[in-house]
Amino acid sequence: MQFEDSSLAQIAETTRKLLYALLEDIYDLVAKETGRFLIYLDHHPKIEVQGFSTGLRAQIERTLRGESAYDY
């Protein structure tokens, strides 16, 4: 992606790196599926998860909330 605003591009790249670091424990599972992450950097920033299986999506969402990725 090309961003006109270099500071916005830097924020997007940092967010992407942090997202990969957060999901490190389940990255192999994430890489096997065709889902995607939508990162909104407007006045209501959020990360949206789309296209992953129900179980993996739940793991990702728990991780993003700071909970354990695995439901024991």
N, C-alpha and C. Protein backbone atom coordinates (compact mmCIF):
# COMPACT_ATOMS: atom_id res chain seq x y z
N MET A 1 0.82 -1.19 0.00
CA MET A 1 0.00 0.00 0.00
C MET A 1 0.86 1.25 0.00
N GLN A 2 0.36 2.25 -0.61
CA GLN A 2 1.03 3.55 -0.62
C GLN A 2 0.22 4.51 0.23
N PHE A 3 0.89 5.21 1.11
CA PHE A 3 0.22 6.22 1.92
C PHE A 3 0.82 7.57 1.57
N GLU A 4 -0.04 8.58 1.42
CA GLU A 4 0.45 9.92 1.14
C GLU A 4 1.12 10.51 2.36
N ASP A 5 0.63 10.20 3.53
CA ASP A 5 1.14 10.74 4.77
C ASP A 5 2.17 9.78 5.35
N SER A 6 3.42 10.20 5.40
CA SER A 6 4.48 9.30 5.86
C SER A 6 4.31 8.90 7.33
N SER A 7 3.76 9.78 8.16
CA SER A 7 3.55 9.41 9.56
C SER A 7 2.46 8.35 9.67
N LEU A 8 1.43 8.44 8.84
CA LEU A 8 0.38 7.43 8.83
C LEU A 8 0.94 6.10 8.34
N ALA A 9 1.82 6.14 7.36
CA ALA A 9 2.45 4.91 6.87
C ALA A 9 3.30 4.28 7.96
N GLN A 10 3.99 5.09 8.72
CA GLN A 10 4.81 4.57 9.82
C GLN A 10 3.94 3.94 10.90
N ILE A 11 2.83 4.55 11.22
CA ILE A 11 1.90 3.98 12.21
C ILE A 11 1.36 2.65 11.70
N ALA A 12 0.98 2.58 10.44
CA ALA A 12 0.44 1.35 9.86
C ALA A 12 1.48 0.24 9.89
N GLU A 13 2.73 0.55 9.55
CA GLU A 13 3.79 -0.46 9.56
C GLU A 13 4.08 -0.93 10.98
N THR A 14 4.11 -0.02 11.92
CA THR A 14 4.33 -0.39 13.33
C THR A 14 3.19 -1.25 13.83
N THR A 15 1.97 -0.92 13.48
CA THR A 15 0.80 -1.71 13.88
C THR A 15 0.89 -3.12 13.31
N ARG A 16 1.29 -3.24 12.05
CA ARG A 16 1.43 -4.56 11.43
C ARG A 16 2.47 -5.39 12.16
N LYS A 17 3.62 -4.81 12.48
CA LYS A 17 4.67 -5.53 13.19
C LYS A 17 4.21 -5.97 14.58
N LEU A 18 3.51 -5.09 15.29
CA LEU A 18 3.01 -5.43 16.62
C LEU A 18 1.96 -6.53 16.55
N LEU A 19 1.13 -6.50 15.52
CA LEU A 19 0.12 -7.53 15.34
C LEU A 19 0.78 -8.89 15.14
N TYR A 20 1.80 -8.96 14.30
CA TYR A 20 2.53 -10.22 14.10
C TYR A 20 3.19 -10.69 15.39
N ALA A 21 3.73 -9.76 16.16
CA ALA A 21 4.36 -10.13 17.43
C ALA A 21 3.32 -10.67 18.42
N LEU A 22 2.16 -10.05 18.47
CA LEU A 22 1.09 -10.52 19.36
C LEU A 22 0.63 -11.93 19.00
N LEU A 23 0.60 -12.21 17.72
CA LEU A 23 0.07 -13.48 17.23
C LEU A 23 1.16 -14.53 17.03
N GLU A 24 2.35 -14.27 17.54
CA GLU A 24 3.48 -15.17 17.32
C GLU A 24 3.18 -16.61 17.73
N ASP A 25 2.51 -16.81 18.86
CA ASP A 25 2.21 -18.15 19.34
C ASP A 25 1.30 -18.95 18.41
N ILE A 26 0.43 -18.25 17.67
CA ILE A 26 -0.50 -18.94 16.79
C ILE A 26 -0.27 -18.58 15.32
N TYR A 27 0.90 -18.01 15.03
CA TYR A 27 1.18 -17.53 13.67
C TYR A 27 1.09 -18.65 12.63
N ASP A 28 1.55 -19.86 12.97
CA ASP A 28 1.48 -20.96 12.00
C ASP A 28 0.03 -21.26 11.60
N LEU A 29 -0.88 -21.17 12.56
CA LEU A 29 -2.31 -21.38 12.26
C LEU A 29 -2.85 -20.24 11.40
N VAL A 30 -2.46 -19.02 11.72
CA VAL A 30 -2.93 -17.84 10.97
C VAL A 30 -2.44 -17.92 9.52
N ALA A 31 -1.20 -18.32 9.32
CA ALA A 31 -0.60 -18.37 7.98
C ALA A 31 -1.26 -19.41 7.08
N LYS A 32 -1.88 -20.44 7.67
CA LYS A 32 -2.51 -21.50 6.87
C LYS A 32 -3.87 -21.11 6.31
N GLU A 33 -4.46 -20.06 6.85
CA GLU A 33 -5.80 -19.66 6.40
C GLU A 33 -5.72 -18.41 5.53
N THR A 34 -6.80 -18.12 4.85
CA THR A 34 -6.81 -17.00 3.91
C THR A 34 -7.50 -15.76 4.48
N GLY A 35 -7.55 -15.66 5.78
CA GLY A 35 -8.17 -14.50 6.40
C GLY A 35 -7.31 -13.27 6.27
N ARG A 36 -7.85 -12.16 6.74
CA ARG A 36 -7.11 -10.91 6.69
C ARG A 36 -7.48 -10.02 7.87
N PHE A 37 -6.60 -9.07 8.11
CA PHE A 37 -6.80 -8.10 9.18
C PHE A 37 -7.00 -6.75 8.53
N LEU A 38 -8.04 -6.05 8.95
CA LEU A 38 -8.27 -4.69 8.49
C LEU A 38 -7.92 -3.77 9.65
N ILE A 39 -6.99 -2.88 9.42
CA ILE A 39 -6.53 -1.96 10.45
C ILE A 39 -7.04 -0.57 10.10
N TYR A 40 -7.92 -0.06 10.93
CA TYR A 40 -8.49 1.27 10.72
C TYR A 40 -7.73 2.27 11.58
N LEU A 41 -7.23 3.32 10.97
CA LEU A 41 -6.46 4.33 11.68
C LEU A 41 -7.16 5.69 11.63
N ASP A 42 -8.48 5.68 11.61
CA ASP A 42 -9.22 6.93 11.59
C ASP A 42 -9.46 7.42 13.01
N HIS A 43 -10.49 8.21 13.23
CA HIS A 43 -10.74 8.75 14.57
C HIS A 43 -11.25 7.69 15.55
N HIS A 44 -11.58 6.50 15.08
CA HIS A 44 -11.95 5.35 15.93
C HIS A 44 -11.09 4.15 15.51
N PRO A 45 -9.80 4.15 15.87
CA PRO A 45 -8.92 3.05 15.43
C PRO A 45 -9.40 1.69 15.93
N LYS A 46 -9.28 0.69 15.07
CA LYS A 46 -9.65 -0.67 15.46
C LYS A 46 -9.01 -1.66 14.49
N ILE A 47 -8.97 -2.91 14.93
CA ILE A 47 -8.48 -4.00 14.08
C ILE A 47 -9.65 -4.95 13.88
N GLU A 48 -9.99 -5.22 12.63
CA GLU A 48 -11.08 -6.12 12.30
C GLU A 48 -10.50 -7.41 11.71
N VAL A 49 -11.05 -8.54 12.11
CA VAL A 49 -10.58 -9.86 11.66
C VAL A 49 -11.63 -10.44 10.72
N GLN A 50 -11.21 -10.83 9.51
CA GLN A 50 -12.15 -11.38 8.53
C GLN A 50 -11.59 -12.62 7.87
N GLY A 51 -12.48 -13.56 7.56
CA GLY A 51 -12.13 -14.69 6.71
C GLY A 51 -11.46 -15.87 7.38
N PHE A 52 -11.26 -15.83 8.68
CA PHE A 52 -10.65 -16.95 9.38
C PHE A 52 -11.73 -17.89 9.89
N SER A 53 -11.37 -19.15 10.13
CA SER A 53 -12.34 -20.10 10.68
C SER A 53 -12.78 -19.59 12.06
N THR A 54 -13.93 -20.05 12.50
CA THR A 54 -14.52 -19.59 13.75
C THR A 54 -13.58 -19.79 14.94
N GLY A 55 -12.98 -20.96 15.04
CA GLY A 55 -12.09 -21.25 16.15
C GLY A 55 -10.85 -20.37 16.16
N LEU A 56 -10.24 -20.19 15.00
CA LEU A 56 -9.04 -19.36 14.92
C LEU A 56 -9.38 -17.90 15.14
N ARG A 57 -10.51 -17.48 14.63
CA ARG A 57 -10.94 -16.09 14.85
C ARG A 57 -11.11 -15.82 16.34
N ALA A 58 -11.68 -16.77 17.05
CA ALA A 58 -11.86 -16.61 18.50
C ALA A 58 -10.49 -16.52 19.19
N GLN A 59 -9.53 -17.34 18.76
CA GLN A 59 -8.18 -17.29 19.32
C GLN A 59 -7.54 -15.93 19.06
N ILE A 60 -7.67 -15.44 17.86
CA ILE A 60 -7.09 -14.15 17.51
C ILE A 60 -7.72 -13.05 18.35
N GLU A 61 -9.03 -13.05 18.45
CA GLU A 61 -9.73 -12.00 19.20
C GLU A 61 -9.37 -12.05 20.68
N ARG A 62 -9.22 -13.26 21.25
CA ARG A 62 -8.79 -13.36 22.65
C ARG A 62 -7.39 -12.78 22.82
N THR A 63 -6.51 -13.08 21.88
CA THR A 63 -5.14 -12.57 21.94
C THR A 63 -5.13 -11.05 21.87
N LEU A 64 -5.91 -10.48 20.97
CA LEU A 64 -5.96 -9.03 20.82
C LEU A 64 -6.53 -8.34 22.07
N ARG A 65 -7.38 -9.05 22.82
CA ARG A 65 -7.91 -8.52 24.08
C ARG A 65 -6.94 -8.71 25.23
N GLY A 66 -5.84 -9.42 25.01
CA GLY A 66 -4.86 -9.64 26.06
C GLY A 66 -5.11 -10.90 26.87
N GLU A 67 -6.00 -11.77 26.39
CA GLU A 67 -6.30 -13.02 27.06
C GLU A 67 -5.45 -14.13 26.45
N SER A 68 -5.50 -15.30 27.03
CA SER A 68 -4.81 -16.45 26.45
C SER A 68 -5.43 -16.79 25.11
N ALA A 69 -4.60 -17.12 24.14
CA ALA A 69 -5.09 -17.47 22.80
C ALA A 69 -5.86 -18.77 22.82
N TYR A 70 -5.59 -19.60 23.82
CA TYR A 70 -6.21 -20.91 23.87
C TYR A 70 -7.30 -20.95 24.91
N ASP A 71 -8.44 -21.52 24.56
CA ASP A 71 -9.59 -21.66 25.45
C ASP A 71 -9.46 -23.00 26.17
N TYR A 72 -9.06 -22.96 27.42
CA TYR A 72 -8.84 -24.20 28.18
C TYR A 72 -10.10 -24.74 28.78
